[in-house]
């Protein structure tokens, strides 16, 4: 049975860009921009879960300090 949602903790990468790590799963991805990170997270979730097991909702928890200005 698929879980209803998955949450990613997002932070700025020391090398530049952003990193996202799933809470409770071994999923990690990174990207240069927040828009690209959203795409990379969706792709990582699709690759991690089998058909029918993918969560319906993907949430990105982003501390305010990590948001682009």
Foldseek 3Di string as FASTA:
>chain_A
DADAEWEWEKAADPVAFIKTQIPPDGFIDTDRYPVVVVVVVVVRQPVVDDPPHRHNYYYYDYDPVRHDD
